[in-house]
């Protein structure tokens, strides 16, 4: 399955297979229910590279299930460990959560994707201030932590 950027889908490689995370309402509400944490809390931890592996496994499983896969949290957790550990998945999980918060759209209401400068959203979000400013700052911190724009698996 190929990720559809217009739906805010994120590609991720798990168990050696290219898969898709879909940030639909069911997935996002299930993430909050299963982790007991808000999307804002999880996003802040993901972009700070401080998200626990169990929360990461829940987030990935919910995104995969929304995209049509039938997989358990335990299986996804093992894929995380086998795939190089949590550090390998902070970027796609962070992007997935960011897209979930923004509905796959930027503050101007345009489709998600790259802006004219080739920067992934939410780089343009700084114009709006408030939570969008925080989100843009968090995204910039993620880029600095990995020495450039996030590499999406």
C-alpha atoms as a PDB file:
ATOM      1  CA  UNK A   1       0.000   0.000   0.000  1.00  0.00           C
ATOM      2  CA  UNK A   2       1.264   3.475  -0.886  1.00  0.00           C
ATOM      3  CA  UNK A   3       0.790   6.368   1.540  1.00  0.00           C
ATOM      4  CA  UNK A   4      -1.684   9.016   0.389  1.00  0.00           C
ATOM      5  CA  UNK A   5      -0.234  12.403   1.408  1.00  0.00           C
ATOM      6  CA  UNK A   6      -3.613  14.103   0.870  1.00  0.00           C
ATOM      7  CA  UNK A   7      -5.046  11.943   3.674  1.00  0.00           C
ATOM      8  CA  UNK A   8      -2.054  12.631   5.912  1.00  0.00           C
ATOM      9  CA  UNK A   9      -0.858   9.037   5.632  1.00  0.00           C
ATOM     10  CA  UNK A  10       2.711   8.302   6.644  1.00  0.00           C
ATOM     11  CA  UNK A  11       4.910   5.542   5.182  1.00  0.00           C
ATOM     12  CA  UNK A  12       6.863   3.445   7.668  1.00  0.00           C
ATOM     13  CA  UNK A  13       8.973   0.327   7.256  1.00  0.00           C
ATOM     14  CA  UNK A  14       8.204  -2.343   9.847  1.00  0.00           C
ATOM     15  CA  UNK A  15       9.338  -5.964   9.693  1.00  0.00           C
ATOM     16  CA  UNK A  16      11.091  -5.167   6.412  1.00  0.00           C
ATOM     17  CA  UNK A  17       7.814  -4.158   4.743  1.00  0.00           C
ATOM     18  CA  UNK A  18       6.730  -0.671   3.666  1.00  0.00           C
ATOM     19  CA  UNK A  19       3.476   0.020   5.529  1.00  0.00           C
ATOM     20  CA  UNK A  20       1.095   2.949   5.955  1.00  0.00           C
ATOM     21  CA  UNK A  21      -0.068   4.814   9.055  1.00  0.00           C
ATOM     22  CA  UNK A  22      -3.462   6.475   8.583  1.00  0.00           C
ATOM     23  CA  UNK A  23      -4.408   9.217  11.081  1.00  0.00           C
ATOM     24  CA  UNK A  24      -8.191   8.820  11.052  1.00  0.00           C
ATOM     25  CA  UNK A  25     -10.504   9.629  13.968  1.00  0.00           C
ATOM     26  CA  UNK A  26     -10.815   6.022  15.088  1.00  0.00           C
ATOM     27  CA  UNK A  27      -7.034   5.592  15.221  1.00  0.00           C
ATOM     28  CA  UNK A  28      -6.466   8.863  17.051  1.00  0.00           C
ATOM     29  CA  UNK A  29      -9.171   8.282  19.650  1.00  0.00           C
ATOM     30  CA  UNK A  30      -7.976   4.693  20.163  1.00  0.00           C
ATOM     31  CA  UNK A  31      -4.431   5.999  20.739  1.00  0.00           C
ATOM     32  CA  UNK A  32      -5.694   8.333  23.474  1.00  0.00           C
ATOM     33  CA  UNK A  33      -7.801   5.577  25.047  1.00  0.00           C
ATOM     34  CA  UNK A  34      -5.087   2.907  24.957  1.00  0.00           C
ATOM     35  CA  UNK A  35      -2.278   5.161  26.218  1.00  0.00           C
ATOM     36  CA  UNK A  36      -4.356   7.282  28.610  1.00  0.00           C
ATOM     37  CA  UNK A  37      -2.605  10.363  27.170  1.00  0.00           C
ATOM     38  CA  UNK A  38      -3.695  13.182  24.879  1.00  0.00           C
ATOM     39  CA  UNK A  39      -2.381  13.508  21.338  1.00  0.00           C
ATOM     40  CA  UNK A  40      -0.720  16.774  22.351  1.00  0.00           C
ATOM     41  CA  UNK A  41       1.163  15.024  25.163  1.00  0.00           C
ATOM     42  CA  UNK A  42       2.233  12.151  22.925  1.00  0.00           C
ATOM     43  CA  UNK A  43       3.273  14.510  20.118  1.00  0.00           C
ATOM     44  CA  UNK A  44       5.422  16.572  22.486  1.00  0.00           C
ATOM     45  CA  UNK A  45       7.163  13.414  23.673  1.00  0.00           C
ATOM     46  CA  UNK A  46       7.586  12.050  20.145  1.00  0.00           C
ATOM     47  CA  UNK A  47       9.212  15.206  18.771  1.00  0.00           C
ATOM     48  CA  UNK A  48      11.439  15.374  21.872  1.00  0.00           C
ATOM     49  CA  UNK A  49      12.491  11.737  21.267  1.00  0.00           C
ATOM     50  CA  UNK A  50      11.134  10.880  24.717  1.00  0.00           C
ATOM     51  CA  UNK A  51       8.206   8.638  23.819  1.00  0.00           C
ATOM     52  CA  UNK A  52       8.115   5.258  25.548  1.00  0.00           C
ATOM     53  CA  UNK A  53       8.309   2.131  23.417  1.00  0.00           C
ATOM     54  CA  UNK A  54       4.943   0.845  24.668  1.00  0.00           C
ATOM     55  CA  UNK A  55       3.215   4.098  23.671  1.00  0.00           C
ATOM     56  CA  UNK A  56       5.047   4.005  20.347  1.00  0.00           C
ATOM     57  CA  UNK A  57       3.809   0.454  19.711  1.00  0.00           C
ATOM     58  CA  UNK A  58       0.208   1.506  20.455  1.00  0.00           C
ATOM     59  CA  UNK A  59       0.483   4.528  18.135  1.00  0.00           C
ATOM     60  CA  UNK A  60       1.940   2.480  15.295  1.00  0.00           C
ATOM     61  CA  UNK A  61      -0.616  -0.317  15.728  1.00  0.00           C
ATOM     62  CA  UNK A  62      -3.543   2.112  15.672  1.00  0.00           C
ATOM     63  CA  UNK A  63      -2.220   3.804  12.514  1.00  0.00           C
ATOM     64  CA  UNK A  64      -1.671   0.437  10.849  1.00  0.00           C
ATOM     65  CA  UNK A  65      -5.134  -0.854  11.799  1.00  0.00           C
ATOM     66  CA  UNK A  66      -6.703   2.331  10.383  1.00  0.00           C
ATOM     67  CA  UNK A  67      -4.885   1.583   7.120  1.00  0.00           C
ATOM     68  CA  UNK A  68      -6.375  -1.931   7.044  1.00  0.00           C
ATOM     69  CA  UNK A  69      -3.764  -4.105   8.756  1.00  0.00           C
ATOM     70  CA  UNK A  70      -4.636  -6.655  11.415  1.00  0.00           C
ATOM     71  CA  UNK A  71      -1.784  -6.593  13.916  1.00  0.00           C
ATOM     72  CA  UNK A  72      -1.309  -6.694  17.693  1.00  0.00           C
ATOM     73  CA  UNK A  73       0.525  -4.174  19.849  1.00  0.00           C
ATOM     74  CA  UNK A  74       2.910  -6.939  20.928  1.00  0.00           C
ATOM     75  CA  UNK A  75       3.803  -7.743  17.320  1.00  0.00           C
ATOM     76  CA  UNK A  76       4.381  -4.078  16.520  1.00  0.00           C
ATOM     77  CA  UNK A  77       6.505  -3.746  19.655  1.00  0.00           C
ATOM     78  CA  UNK A  78       8.711  -6.598  18.495  1.00  0.00           C
ATOM     79  CA  UNK A  79       8.980  -4.989  15.040  1.00  0.00           C
ATOM     80  CA  UNK A  80      10.203  -1.801  16.760  1.00  0.00           C
ATOM     81  CA  UNK A  81      12.906  -3.724  18.629  1.00  0.00           C
ATOM     82  CA  UNK A  82      13.889  -5.748  15.572  1.00  0.00           C
ATOM     83  CA  UNK A  83      13.929  -2.594  13.430  1.00  0.00           C
ATOM     84  CA  UNK A  84      16.631  -0.866  15.450  1.00  0.00           C
ATOM     85  CA  UNK A  85      14.707   0.262  18.512  1.00  0.00           C
ATOM     86  CA  UNK A  86      12.514   3.258  19.249  1.00  0.00           C
ATOM     87  CA  UNK A  87      15.039   5.786  17.936  1.00  0.00           C
ATOM     88  CA  UNK A  88      14.369   4.558  14.388  1.00  0.00           C
ATOM     89  CA  UNK A  89      10.664   5.381  14.636  1.00  0.00           C
ATOM     90  CA  UNK A  90      10.482   8.756  16.407  1.00  0.00           C
ATOM     91  CA  UNK A  91      10.330  10.589  13.091  1.00  0.00           C
ATOM     92  CA  UNK A  92       7.464   8.736  11.389  1.00  0.00           C
ATOM     93  CA  UNK A  93       5.529   8.486  14.672  1.00  0.00           C
ATOM     94  CA  UNK A  94       6.072  12.196  15.353  1.00  0.00           C
ATOM     95  CA  UNK A  95       4.939  13.112  11.858  1.00  0.00           C
ATOM     96  CA  UNK A  96       1.905  10.818  12.157  1.00  0.00           C
ATOM     97  CA  UNK A  97       0.866  12.513  15.407  1.00  0.00           C
ATOM     98  CA  UNK A  98       1.479  16.004  13.995  1.00  0.00           C
ATOM     99  CA  UNK A  99      -0.716  15.173  11.009  1.00  0.00           C
ATOM    100  CA  UNK A 100      -3.347  13.817  13.396  1.00  0.00           C
ATOM    101  CA  UNK A 101      -3.368  17.111  15.289  1.00  0.00           C
ATOM    102  CA  UNK A 102      -3.570  19.219  12.140  1.00  0.00           C
ATOM    103  CA  UNK A 103      -6.004  16.989  10.288  1.00  0.00           C
ATOM    104  CA  UNK A 104      -3.397  16.610   7.546  1.00  0.00           C
ATOM    105  CA  UNK A 105      -3.782  20.298   6.721  1.00  0.00           C
ATOM    106  CA  UNK A 106      -1.723  23.392   7.371  1.00  0.00           C
ATOM    107  CA  UNK A 107      -3.136  26.571   8.988  1.00  0.00           C
ATOM    108  CA  UNK A 108      -4.074  27.917   5.554  1.00  0.00           C
ATOM    109  CA  UNK A 109      -6.304  24.887   4.942  1.00  0.00           C
ATOM    110  CA  UNK A 110      -4.147  23.502   2.151  1.00  0.00           C
ATOM    111  CA  UNK A 111      -3.381  19.814   1.727  1.00  0.00           C
ATOM    112  CA  UNK A 112      -0.522  18.431   3.776  1.00  0.00           C
ATOM    113  CA  UNK A 113       2.783  17.917   2.070  1.00  0.00           C
ATOM    114  CA  UNK A 114       5.863  19.916   1.267  1.00  0.00           C
ATOM    115  CA  UNK A 115       5.817  23.680   0.940  1.00  0.00           C
ATOM    116  CA  UNK A 116       7.485  25.627  -1.871  1.00  0.00           C
ATOM    117  CA  UNK A 117      10.848  25.439  -0.094  1.00  0.00           C
ATOM    118  CA  UNK A 118      10.616  21.629   0.145  1.00  0.00           C
ATOM    119  CA  UNK A 119      10.142  21.724   3.922  1.00  0.00           C
ATOM    120  CA  UNK A 120       7.644  19.277   5.409  1.00  0.00           C
ATOM    121  CA  UNK A 121       4.731  20.836   7.244  1.00  0.00           C
ATOM    122  CA  UNK A 122       4.169  22.236   9.844  1.00  0.00           C
ATOM    123  CA  UNK A 123       7.038  24.625   8.989  1.00  0.00           C
ATOM    124  CA  UNK A 124       4.559  27.265   7.777  1.00  0.00           C
ATOM    125  CA  UNK A 125       2.546  26.995  10.981  1.00  0.00           C
ATOM    126  CA  UNK A 126       4.642  29.655  12.707  1.00  0.00           C
ATOM    127  CA  UNK A 127       2.479  32.405  11.166  1.00  0.00           C
ATOM    128  CA  UNK A 128      -0.470  31.397  13.301  1.00  0.00           C
ATOM    129  CA  UNK A 129       1.176  31.400  16.746  1.00  0.00           C
ATOM    130  CA  UNK A 130      -0.490  29.612  19.667  1.00  0.00           C
ATOM    131  CA  UNK A 131      -0.418  25.819  19.529  1.00  0.00           C
ATOM    132  CA  UNK A 132       0.614  25.977  15.888  1.00  0.00           C
ATOM    133  CA  UNK A 133       3.685  27.971  16.907  1.00  0.00           C
ATOM    134  CA  UNK A 134       4.504  25.364  19.536  1.00  0.00           C
ATOM    135  CA  UNK A 135       4.027  22.593  16.976  1.00  0.00           C
ATOM    136  CA  UNK A 136       6.324  24.319  14.479  1.00  0.00           C
ATOM    137  CA  UNK A 137       8.948  24.798  17.198  1.00  0.00           C
ATOM    138  CA  UNK A 138       8.730  21.151  18.161  1.00  0.00           C
ATOM    139  CA  UNK A 139       9.081  20.106  14.514  1.00  0.00           C
ATOM    140  CA  UNK A 140      12.140  22.356  14.104  1.00  0.00           C
ATOM    141  CA  UNK A 141      13.636  20.769  17.228  1.00  0.00           C
ATOM    142  CA  UNK A 142      13.120  17.335  15.696  1.00  0.00           C
ATOM    143  CA  UNK A 143      14.902  18.435  12.523  1.00  0.00           C
ATOM    144  CA  UNK A 144      17.851  19.811  14.554  1.00  0.00           C
ATOM    145  CA  UNK A 145      18.071  16.635  16.651  1.00  0.00           C
ATOM    146  CA  UNK A 146      18.536  14.533  13.523  1.00  0.00           C
ATOM    147  CA  UNK A 147      20.784  16.941  11.630  1.00  0.00           C
ATOM    148  CA  UNK A 148      18.304  18.036   8.973  1.00  0.00           C
ATOM    149  CA  UNK A 149      14.800  17.371   7.759  1.00  0.00           C
ATOM    150  CA  UNK A 150      13.357  14.183   9.261  1.00  0.00           C
ATOM    151  CA  UNK A 151      14.005  11.000   7.319  1.00  0.00           C
ATOM    152  CA  UNK A 152      10.735   9.190   6.953  1.00  0.00           C
ATOM    153  CA  UNK A 153      10.981   5.400   6.880  1.00  0.00           C
END
